[in-house]
N, C-alpha and C. Protein backbone atom coordinates (compact mmCIF):
# COMPACT_ATOMS: atom_id res chain seq x y z
N MET A 1 -21.60 0.20 -25.25
CA MET A 1 -21.47 -1.51 -25.60
C MET A 1 -22.86 -1.64 -26.00
N SER A 2 -22.22 -2.60 -27.22
CA SER A 2 -23.56 -3.69 -28.05
C SER A 2 -24.21 -4.34 -27.30
N SER A 3 -25.45 -4.41 -27.62
CA SER A 3 -26.42 -5.55 -26.90
C SER A 3 -25.78 -6.79 -27.17
N SER A 4 -24.92 -6.77 -28.30
CA SER A 4 -24.96 -8.54 -28.65
C SER A 4 -23.78 -9.08 -27.69
N GLN A 5 -22.61 -8.09 -27.39
CA GLN A 5 -21.67 -8.62 -26.44
C GLN A 5 -22.14 -8.44 -24.80
N PRO A 6 -21.92 -9.71 -24.48
CA PRO A 6 -22.41 -9.97 -22.97
C PRO A 6 -21.28 -8.79 -21.91
N GLU A 7 -22.16 -8.69 -20.78
CA GLU A 7 -21.65 -7.35 -20.09
C GLU A 7 -20.51 -7.87 -19.34
N ASP A 8 -20.12 -9.33 -19.51
CA ASP A 8 -18.95 -9.67 -18.55
C ASP A 8 -17.31 -10.20 -19.36
N LEU A 9 -17.45 -9.49 -20.81
CA LEU A 9 -16.95 -10.09 -21.68
C LEU A 9 -15.97 -8.71 -21.72
N ALA A 10 -14.45 -8.74 -21.90
CA ALA A 10 -13.67 -7.60 -22.44
C ALA A 10 -13.79 -7.24 -23.79
N PRO A 11 -14.11 -5.97 -24.17
CA PRO A 11 -14.18 -5.33 -25.22
C PRO A 11 -13.47 -5.66 -26.25
N GLU A 12 -14.10 -5.16 -27.37
CA GLU A 12 -13.42 -5.45 -28.99
C GLU A 12 -11.33 -5.05 -28.71
N PRO A 13 -10.20 -5.71 -28.75
CA PRO A 13 -9.14 -4.64 -29.15
C PRO A 13 -9.59 -3.97 -29.44
N GLY A 14 -8.59 -2.54 -29.64
CA GLY A 14 -8.40 -1.42 -30.86
C GLY A 14 -9.95 -0.59 -30.34
N ALA A 15 -10.92 -1.11 -29.15
CA ALA A 15 -11.89 -0.21 -28.98
C ALA A 15 -11.26 1.15 -28.22
N ALA A 16 -12.08 2.28 -28.64
CA ALA A 16 -11.95 3.32 -28.03
C ALA A 16 -11.81 3.99 -26.96
N PRO A 17 -11.40 4.69 -26.31
CA PRO A 17 -11.25 5.02 -24.58
C PRO A 17 -12.50 5.18 -24.18
N SER A 18 -13.36 6.02 -24.97
CA SER A 18 -14.65 5.92 -24.19
C SER A 18 -15.70 4.71 -24.77
N GLU A 19 -15.37 3.74 -25.41
CA GLU A 19 -15.99 2.64 -25.63
C GLU A 19 -15.83 1.74 -24.50
N ASP A 20 -14.71 1.46 -24.19
CA ASP A 20 -14.08 0.56 -22.95
C ASP A 20 -13.86 0.84 -21.63
N GLY A 21 -14.32 2.16 -21.39
CA GLY A 21 -14.06 2.83 -20.25
C GLY A 21 -12.93 2.65 -19.33
N LEU A 22 -11.88 2.40 -20.02
CA LEU A 22 -10.56 1.88 -19.18
C LEU A 22 -10.13 3.05 -18.97
N THR A 23 -9.76 4.08 -19.43
CA THR A 23 -9.20 5.41 -19.25
C THR A 23 -10.00 6.15 -17.92
N GLU A 24 -11.34 5.91 -18.10
CA GLU A 24 -12.10 6.98 -17.22
C GLU A 24 -12.70 5.42 -15.52
N LEU A 25 -12.07 4.35 -15.97
CA LEU A 25 -11.98 3.55 -14.53
C LEU A 25 -10.10 4.01 -14.03
N LEU A 26 -9.22 4.08 -14.88
CA LEU A 26 -8.02 4.43 -14.36
C LEU A 26 -8.56 5.37 -13.76
N ILE A 27 -8.82 6.97 -14.20
CA ILE A 27 -8.92 8.07 -13.63
C ILE A 27 -9.66 7.94 -12.50
N GLY A 28 -10.82 7.36 -12.24
CA GLY A 28 -11.07 6.67 -10.98
C GLY A 28 -10.54 6.35 -9.76
N LEU A 29 -9.51 5.15 -10.15
CA LEU A 29 -8.95 4.71 -9.19
C LEU A 29 -7.66 5.49 -8.61
N LEU A 30 -7.24 6.24 -9.62
CA LEU A 30 -5.92 7.71 -9.13
C LEU A 30 -7.03 8.18 -8.04
N LYS A 31 -7.86 8.81 -8.69
CA LYS A 31 -8.56 9.91 -7.58
C LYS A 31 -8.80 8.91 -6.36
N LEU A 32 -9.36 8.03 -6.37
CA LEU A 32 -9.77 6.82 -4.99
C LEU A 32 -8.28 6.87 -4.14
N CYS A 33 -7.06 6.46 -5.13
CA CYS A 33 -6.27 6.52 -3.92
C CYS A 33 -5.28 7.84 -3.66
N SER A 34 -5.87 8.80 -4.12
CA SER A 34 -5.60 10.16 -3.88
C SER A 34 -6.45 10.79 -2.86
N LEU A 35 -7.54 10.12 -3.02
CA LEU A 35 -8.31 10.72 -1.94
C LEU A 35 -8.40 9.87 -0.60
N ILE A 36 -7.93 8.91 -0.73
CA ILE A 36 -8.39 7.77 0.53
C ILE A 36 -7.30 8.18 1.55
N GLY A 37 -6.47 8.52 1.36
CA GLY A 37 -5.36 9.20 2.18
C GLY A 37 -6.06 10.07 3.22
N ASP A 38 -6.45 10.83 3.06
CA ASP A 38 -7.36 12.10 4.22
C ASP A 38 -7.87 11.15 5.09
N PRO A 39 -8.85 10.36 4.83
CA PRO A 39 -9.61 9.49 6.41
C PRO A 39 -8.38 8.86 7.18
N MET A 40 -7.80 8.06 6.25
CA MET A 40 -6.55 7.59 6.76
C MET A 40 -5.49 8.49 7.85
N LYS A 41 -5.74 9.58 7.50
CA LYS A 41 -4.29 10.80 7.97
C LYS A 41 -5.57 11.07 9.46
N VAL A 42 -6.52 11.23 9.21
CA VAL A 42 -7.80 12.39 10.21
C VAL A 42 -8.03 10.78 11.04
N GLY A 43 -7.92 9.41 11.03
CA GLY A 43 -8.70 8.74 11.36
C GLY A 43 -7.72 7.90 12.25
N VAL A 44 -6.30 7.80 11.73
CA VAL A 44 -5.55 6.58 12.28
C VAL A 44 -4.26 7.46 12.53
N CYS A 45 -3.74 8.27 11.61
CA CYS A 45 -2.41 9.05 12.10
C CYS A 45 -2.18 10.05 12.97
N ASP A 46 -2.74 10.40 12.67
CA ASP A 46 -3.58 11.78 13.64
C ASP A 46 -3.45 12.00 15.00
N PRO A 47 -4.37 10.00 15.58
CA PRO A 47 -4.61 10.40 16.45
C PRO A 47 -3.34 9.72 17.30
N VAL A 48 -3.15 8.80 16.84
CA VAL A 48 -1.35 8.26 17.27
C VAL A 48 -0.89 8.99 16.95
N GLY A 49 -0.28 10.45 16.63
CA GLY A 49 0.56 11.50 16.13
C GLY A 49 1.93 11.17 15.82
N ALA A 50 1.43 10.49 14.45
CA ALA A 50 2.54 9.57 13.39
C ALA A 50 2.12 10.29 12.09
N SER A 51 3.10 10.35 11.25
CA SER A 51 2.98 10.42 10.08
C SER A 51 1.79 9.10 8.77
N THR A 52 2.04 9.88 8.15
CA THR A 52 1.35 8.95 7.27
C THR A 52 2.19 7.51 6.74
N ASN A 53 3.25 8.35 6.52
CA ASN A 53 4.55 7.21 5.80
C ASN A 53 5.02 6.24 7.31
N GLU A 54 4.79 6.88 8.61
CA GLU A 54 5.21 6.16 9.70
C GLU A 54 4.18 5.05 9.69
N VAL A 55 3.03 5.32 9.50
CA VAL A 55 2.15 4.61 9.88
C VAL A 55 2.16 3.40 8.69
N LYS A 56 2.51 3.41 7.24
CA LYS A 56 2.40 2.38 6.59
C LYS A 56 3.74 1.62 7.11
N VAL A 57 4.89 2.51 7.01
CA VAL A 57 5.99 1.64 7.40
C VAL A 57 5.50 0.35 8.81
N VAL A 58 4.68 0.78 9.41
CA VAL A 58 4.58 0.20 10.85
C VAL A 58 3.47 -0.80 10.26
N MET A 59 2.50 -0.55 9.46
CA MET A 59 1.82 -1.85 9.24
C MET A 59 2.66 -2.77 8.26
N ALA A 60 3.24 -2.33 7.48
CA ALA A 60 4.49 -3.01 6.39
C ALA A 60 5.00 -4.39 7.29
N LEU A 61 5.98 -3.42 8.23
CA LEU A 61 6.43 -4.56 9.10
C LEU A 61 5.85 -5.76 10.05
N ALA A 62 4.09 -4.88 10.61
CA ALA A 62 3.23 -5.56 11.21
C ALA A 62 3.20 -6.72 10.42
N GLY A 63 2.62 -6.66 9.09
CA GLY A 63 2.27 -7.81 8.59
C GLY A 63 3.73 -8.70 7.66
N GLU A 64 4.87 -7.96 7.64
CA GLU A 64 5.75 -8.73 7.24
C GLU A 64 7.23 -9.04 7.90
N GLY A 65 7.06 -8.61 9.13
CA GLY A 65 8.66 -8.71 9.48
C GLY A 65 9.58 -8.14 8.79
N PRO A 66 10.36 -8.13 10.37
CA PRO A 66 11.85 -7.45 9.46
C PRO A 66 11.90 -7.38 7.79
N LEU A 67 11.77 -5.92 7.25
CA LEU A 67 12.20 -5.51 5.97
C LEU A 67 13.62 -4.99 6.11
N ALA A 68 13.86 -4.80 5.01
CA ALA A 68 15.12 -3.87 4.99
C ALA A 68 14.46 -2.28 4.19
N GLY A 69 15.26 -1.10 3.96
CA GLY A 69 14.72 -0.05 3.36
C GLY A 69 13.97 -0.45 1.59
N HIS A 70 14.56 -1.06 1.34
CA HIS A 70 14.40 -1.25 -0.33
C HIS A 70 13.03 -2.28 -0.42
N ASP A 71 13.31 -3.27 0.54
CA ASP A 71 11.76 -4.09 0.39
C ASP A 71 10.54 -3.22 0.98
N LEU A 72 10.35 -1.75 2.00
CA LEU A 72 9.99 -1.23 2.52
C LEU A 72 9.10 -0.04 1.11
N VAL A 73 10.12 0.20 0.11
CA VAL A 73 10.00 1.26 -0.61
C VAL A 73 8.87 0.34 -1.87
N HIS A 74 8.88 -0.96 -2.25
CA HIS A 74 8.63 -1.48 -3.13
C HIS A 74 7.37 -2.48 -2.90
N ILE A 75 7.00 -2.44 -1.06
CA ILE A 75 6.00 -2.78 -0.39
C ILE A 75 4.81 -1.57 0.01
N THR A 76 5.29 -0.21 0.04
CA THR A 76 5.29 0.75 0.75
C THR A 76 4.30 1.34 -0.27
N ALA A 77 5.37 1.74 -1.53
CA ALA A 77 5.03 2.73 -3.22
C ALA A 77 5.56 4.06 -2.66
N MET A 78 6.44 3.97 -1.73
CA MET A 78 6.90 5.27 -1.43
C MET A 78 8.38 5.20 -1.91
N SER A 79 8.99 6.47 -1.79
CA SER A 79 10.46 7.25 -2.58
C SER A 79 11.08 6.09 -1.51
N ALA A 80 12.56 5.78 -1.37
CA ALA A 80 13.67 5.96 -0.79
C ALA A 80 13.76 6.31 0.26
N MET A 81 13.41 7.79 -0.03
CA MET A 81 13.89 9.23 0.64
C MET A 81 12.58 9.06 1.88
N ASN A 82 11.61 9.22 1.28
CA ASN A 82 10.20 9.01 2.28
C ASN A 82 10.59 8.02 3.21
N VAL A 83 10.87 6.62 2.89
CA VAL A 83 11.03 5.35 3.55
C VAL A 83 11.92 5.58 4.71
N SER A 84 13.33 6.37 4.42
CA SER A 84 14.19 6.22 4.99
C SER A 84 13.74 7.46 6.65
N ARG A 85 12.84 8.49 5.90
CA ARG A 85 12.41 9.50 6.72
C ARG A 85 11.35 8.73 7.75
N ALA A 86 10.39 7.95 7.31
CA ALA A 86 9.26 7.37 8.16
C ALA A 86 10.10 6.19 9.17
N ILE A 87 11.50 5.57 8.36
CA ILE A 87 12.10 4.86 9.94
C ILE A 87 12.78 5.26 10.67
N ALA A 88 13.30 6.52 10.49
CA ALA A 88 14.04 7.73 11.42
C ALA A 88 12.85 7.97 12.39
N GLY A 89 12.19 8.32 11.82
CA GLY A 89 10.65 8.79 12.67
C GLY A 89 10.24 7.88 13.41
N ALA A 90 9.80 6.96 13.01
CA ALA A 90 9.34 5.24 13.79
C ALA A 90 10.93 5.06 14.96
N LYS A 91 11.93 5.41 14.30
CA LYS A 91 12.70 4.68 15.26
C LYS A 91 12.74 5.75 16.52
N ALA A 92 12.65 7.24 16.56
CA ALA A 92 12.49 8.35 17.29
C ALA A 92 11.02 8.06 18.46
N ARG A 93 10.32 7.44 17.65
CA ARG A 93 9.19 7.10 19.13
C ARG A 93 9.34 6.19 18.81
N GLY A 94 10.16 4.87 18.97
CA GLY A 94 10.46 3.71 19.43
C GLY A 94 9.98 2.41 18.88
N TRP A 95 9.20 2.65 18.05
CA TRP A 95 8.37 2.01 17.47
C TRP A 95 9.38 0.62 16.61
N VAL A 96 10.36 1.13 16.08
CA VAL A 96 11.15 0.20 15.11
C VAL A 96 12.36 0.73 15.74
N GLU A 97 13.12 -0.71 15.35
CA GLU A 97 14.74 -1.08 15.90
C GLU A 97 15.60 -1.98 14.68
N ASP A 98 16.71 -1.67 14.77
CA ASP A 98 17.82 -2.67 13.53
C ASP A 98 17.71 -3.80 13.82
N PHE A 99 17.44 -4.63 12.69
CA PHE A 99 17.36 -6.39 13.41
C PHE A 99 18.68 -7.01 12.65
N ASN A 100 19.78 -7.27 12.83
CA ASN A 100 20.36 -8.11 12.06
C ASN A 100 20.00 -9.24 11.35
N ASP A 101 20.31 -9.68 10.11
CA ASP A 101 20.05 -10.60 9.11
C ASP A 101 20.83 -11.58 9.74
N PRO A 102 20.88 -13.08 10.20
CA PRO A 102 22.18 -13.65 9.82
C PRO A 102 22.42 -14.12 8.91
N GLU A 103 21.42 -14.38 8.15
CA GLU A 103 22.03 -15.03 6.83
C GLU A 103 21.93 -14.30 5.46
N ASN A 104 22.37 -12.64 5.87
CA ASN A 104 22.75 -11.44 4.51
C ASN A 104 23.22 -10.48 5.84
N ARG A 105 24.64 -10.52 6.12
CA ARG A 105 24.96 -9.29 7.30
C ARG A 105 25.31 -8.15 6.46
N ARG A 106 24.88 -7.71 5.05
CA ARG A 106 25.32 -6.79 4.03
C ARG A 106 23.91 -5.89 4.51
N ARG A 107 22.86 -6.98 4.46
CA ARG A 107 21.10 -6.58 4.10
C ARG A 107 21.10 -5.97 5.84
N ARG A 108 20.35 -4.95 5.85
CA ARG A 108 19.90 -4.01 7.13
C ARG A 108 18.39 -3.66 7.41
N PRO A 109 17.96 -4.59 8.29
CA PRO A 109 16.46 -4.74 8.06
C PRO A 109 16.20 -3.78 8.90
N VAL A 110 15.05 -3.51 9.41
CA VAL A 110 14.40 -3.10 10.68
C VAL A 110 13.42 -3.99 10.77
N ARG A 111 12.66 -3.42 12.53
CA ARG A 111 11.53 -4.65 12.81
C ARG A 111 10.94 -3.79 14.07
N LEU A 112 9.72 -4.20 14.51
CA LEU A 112 9.20 -3.87 15.08
C LEU A 112 9.53 -4.24 16.18
N THR A 113 9.43 -2.59 17.46
CA THR A 113 9.81 -3.11 18.92
C THR A 113 8.53 -3.35 19.69
N SER A 114 8.67 -3.81 20.76
CA SER A 114 7.49 -4.06 21.34
C SER A 114 6.74 -3.09 21.70
N ALA A 115 7.09 -1.55 21.67
CA ALA A 115 6.24 -0.58 21.73
C ALA A 115 5.50 -0.37 20.29
N GLY A 116 6.24 -0.67 19.64
CA GLY A 116 5.56 -0.64 17.71
C GLY A 116 4.73 -1.62 17.66
N GLU A 117 5.13 -2.61 18.41
CA GLU A 117 3.69 -3.90 18.13
C GLU A 117 2.08 -3.52 19.07
N GLY A 118 2.37 -2.51 19.91
CA GLY A 118 1.31 -1.86 21.11
C GLY A 118 0.88 -0.94 19.88
N ALA A 119 1.70 -0.25 19.47
CA ALA A 119 1.20 1.12 18.48
C ALA A 119 -0.05 0.79 17.59
N TYR A 120 0.39 -0.34 16.88
CA TYR A 120 -0.19 -1.70 15.86
C TYR A 120 -1.45 -1.55 16.37
N ARG A 121 -1.19 -2.38 17.32
CA ARG A 121 -2.09 -3.14 17.96
C ARG A 121 -3.33 -1.60 18.56
N GLN A 122 -2.60 -0.45 18.39
CA GLN A 122 -3.56 0.82 18.79
C GLN A 122 -4.54 1.07 17.62
N MET A 123 -3.82 0.90 16.65
CA MET A 123 -4.69 1.55 15.51
C MET A 123 -5.63 0.84 15.22
N GLN A 124 -5.31 -0.68 15.14
CA GLN A 124 -6.22 -1.24 15.02
C GLN A 124 -8.36 -1.09 15.06
N PRO A 125 -8.36 -0.37 15.55
CA PRO A 125 -9.95 -0.13 16.05
C PRO A 125 -9.95 1.10 15.19
N MET A 126 -9.28 1.68 15.08
CA MET A 126 -9.04 3.15 14.37
C MET A 126 -9.12 2.97 12.62
N LEU A 127 -8.07 1.79 12.21
CA LEU A 127 -8.36 1.38 11.36
C LEU A 127 -9.92 0.99 10.74
N HIS A 128 -10.46 -0.52 11.81
CA HIS A 128 -11.27 -0.39 11.27
C HIS A 128 -12.77 0.33 11.43
N ASP A 129 -12.54 1.65 11.95
CA ASP A 129 -13.64 2.64 12.06
C ASP A 129 -13.31 3.27 10.38
N VAL A 130 -12.32 3.28 10.40
CA VAL A 130 -12.03 3.47 8.50
C VAL A 130 -13.00 3.24 7.93
N ALA A 131 -12.39 2.08 7.95
CA ALA A 131 -12.88 1.18 6.76
C ALA A 131 -14.45 1.05 7.10
N GLN A 132 -14.88 0.86 8.05
CA GLN A 132 -16.07 0.93 8.65
C GLN A 132 -16.76 2.32 7.70
N SER A 133 -16.27 3.16 7.91
CA SER A 133 -17.02 3.94 7.21
C SER A 133 -17.16 4.50 5.64
N LEU A 134 -15.55 4.23 5.15
CA LEU A 134 -15.69 3.95 3.54
C LEU A 134 -16.22 2.63 2.86
N LEU A 135 -15.88 1.86 3.97
CA LEU A 135 -16.71 0.27 2.75
C LEU A 135 -17.86 -0.69 3.62
N GLY A 136 -17.99 0.36 4.92
CA GLY A 136 -19.43 -0.55 5.69
C GLY A 136 -20.83 -0.76 4.58
N LYS A 137 -20.87 0.61 3.68
CA LYS A 137 -22.30 0.21 3.09
C LYS A 137 -21.93 -0.84 2.19
N LEU A 138 -21.01 -1.24 1.91
CA LEU A 138 -20.57 -2.36 0.50
C LEU A 138 -21.62 -3.68 1.02
N THR A 139 -22.02 -4.33 0.07
CA THR A 139 -22.82 -5.94 0.84
C THR A 139 -21.38 -6.76 0.90
N VAL A 140 -21.64 -7.53 1.13
CA VAL A 140 -21.11 -8.86 1.39
C VAL A 140 -20.21 -9.46 0.09
N ARG A 141 -21.07 -9.31 -1.03
CA ARG A 141 -21.06 -9.66 -2.15
C ARG A 141 -19.65 -8.82 -2.82
N GLN A 142 -20.34 -7.26 -2.50
CA GLN A 142 -19.20 -6.22 -3.09
C GLN A 142 -17.86 -6.58 -2.69
N ARG A 143 -18.24 -6.48 -0.76
CA ARG A 143 -16.68 -6.48 -0.59
C ARG A 143 -15.91 -7.54 -1.22
N ARG A 144 -16.54 -8.87 -1.49
CA ARG A 144 -15.57 -9.97 -2.23
C ARG A 144 -15.31 -10.13 -3.24
N GLU A 145 -16.02 -8.92 -3.61
CA GLU A 145 -15.61 -8.66 -5.75
C GLU A 145 -14.67 -7.41 -5.53
N MET A 146 -14.93 -6.40 -4.89
CA MET A 146 -13.75 -5.49 -4.46
C MET A 146 -12.22 -5.90 -4.39
N GLY A 147 -12.41 -7.06 -3.16
CA GLY A 147 -11.15 -7.79 -2.67
C GLY A 147 -10.35 -8.28 -3.92
N HIS A 148 -11.02 -9.03 -4.34
CA HIS A 148 -10.65 -9.94 -5.53
C HIS A 148 -10.32 -8.40 -7.02
N LEU A 149 -10.92 -7.95 -7.18
CA LEU A 149 -10.62 -7.36 -7.97
C LEU A 149 -9.35 -6.35 -7.86
N THR A 150 -9.49 -5.88 -6.32
CA THR A 150 -7.78 -5.15 -6.03
C THR A 150 -6.64 -6.09 -5.85
N ASP A 151 -7.10 -7.34 -5.55
CA ASP A 151 -5.81 -8.44 -5.83
C ASP A 151 -5.39 -8.57 -7.35
N LEU A 152 -6.31 -8.72 -7.85
CA LEU A 152 -6.04 -8.73 -9.55
C LEU A 152 -5.43 -7.44 -10.37
N VAL A 153 -5.81 -6.33 -9.64
CA VAL A 153 -4.98 -5.08 -10.10
C VAL A 153 -3.44 -5.24 -9.77
N LEU A 154 -3.87 -5.55 -7.94
CA LEU A 154 -2.29 -5.40 -7.72
C LEU A 154 -1.59 -6.22 -8.32
N ARG A 155 -1.75 -7.62 -9.14
CA ARG A 155 -0.57 -8.53 -9.90
C ARG A 155 -0.35 -8.01 -10.78
N ARG A 156 -1.66 -7.36 -11.42
CA ARG A 156 -1.28 -5.95 -12.75
C ARG A 156 0.02 -5.35 -12.72
N ILE A 157 -0.52 -4.77 -12.10
CA ILE A 157 0.79 -3.55 -11.18
C ILE A 157 2.21 -4.21 -11.02
N ALA A 158 1.70 -5.43 -10.81
CA ALA A 158 3.09 -6.00 -10.29
C ALA A 158 3.99 -6.57 -11.86
N GLU A 159 3.08 -7.33 -12.34
CA GLU A 159 3.53 -7.63 -13.96
C GLU A 159 4.10 -6.17 -14.71
N TRP A 160 3.31 -5.32 -14.63
CA TRP A 160 4.00 -4.53 -15.62
C TRP A 160 5.26 -3.32 -14.88
N ASN A 161 5.49 -3.60 -13.71
CA ASN A 161 6.83 -3.06 -12.95
C ASN A 161 7.78 -4.06 -13.00
N ALA A 162 7.54 -5.45 -13.13
CA ALA A 162 8.47 -6.43 -13.66
C ALA A 162 8.48 -6.55 -15.51
N ALA A 163 8.05 -5.54 -15.98
CA ALA A 163 8.11 -5.77 -17.28
C ALA A 163 8.98 -4.27 -18.02
N GLN A 164 9.35 -3.26 -16.46
CA GLN A 164 9.74 -2.16 -16.95
C GLN A 164 11.28 -2.34 -16.58
N PRO A 165 11.99 -1.61 -17.75
CA PRO A 165 13.54 -1.52 -17.74
C PRO A 165 13.74 -1.40 -15.72
N GLN A 166 14.64 -1.91 -15.28
CA GLN A 166 15.13 -1.14 -14.47
C GLN A 166 15.96 -0.09 -13.88
N ASP A 167 15.32 0.61 -12.77
CA ASP A 167 16.33 2.19 -12.29
C ASP A 167 17.27 1.33 -11.52
N HIS A 168 18.90 1.57 -12.35
CA HIS A 168 19.90 0.98 -11.18
C HIS A 168 20.73 1.87 -10.78
N SER A 169 19.90 3.32 -10.16
CA SER A 169 20.43 4.56 -10.14
C SER A 169 21.17 4.53 -8.49
N GLY A 170 20.66 3.48 -8.09
CA GLY A 170 21.07 3.66 -6.29
C GLY A 170 20.46 4.19 -5.44
N ASP A 171 19.39 4.29 -5.51
CA ASP A 171 18.22 5.50 -4.78
C ASP A 171 17.36 3.85 -3.89
N GLN A 172 17.87 3.22 -3.11
CA GLN A 172 17.73 2.27 -2.73
C GLN A 172 17.65 2.67 -0.82
N ALA A 173 16.71 3.16 -0.09
CA ALA A 173 16.88 3.12 1.26
C ALA A 173 16.83 1.56 2.02
N GLY A 174 18.31 1.76 3.13
CA GLY A 174 18.85 0.73 3.73
C GLY A 174 18.92 -0.41 3.14
N SER A 175 19.74 -0.62 2.01
CA SER A 175 19.57 -2.09 1.37
C SER A 175 20.15 -3.01 2.27
């Protein structure tokens, strides 16, 4: 970056990948997304005896309330097949049950059972331990900045997805 351009300004449009660092940053984010699953599996999923996908579904339902399969596909970024399997696994554990949506009888949401809420509460200290291990050495300012940047990138992903042609192949879990 040239000394005439302040560090907090975007690079010139059309800058070479090695100049703007975007490609390298994207690759770093891809690596982060790939590798962060292992601490979650070892620190949270294995101790509760659940798959990573089952834990993702439980966390989504705990945060959002009853959701249909296609909502879970969107929120968890899992395939419809993996969401269906995770729902089935969570149902077998007694963590999830079907829920009738009185406003839309065609919609087939699921929700956490009291056992599922208990499992989620059990996961909380484990989630905190993983967070402490991975993020605990960040300063308060770095945590705030990372949270802000994470939200910003998630919004950009949502905007990018909305701009893409929709796939109407019918590959939706429990619509």
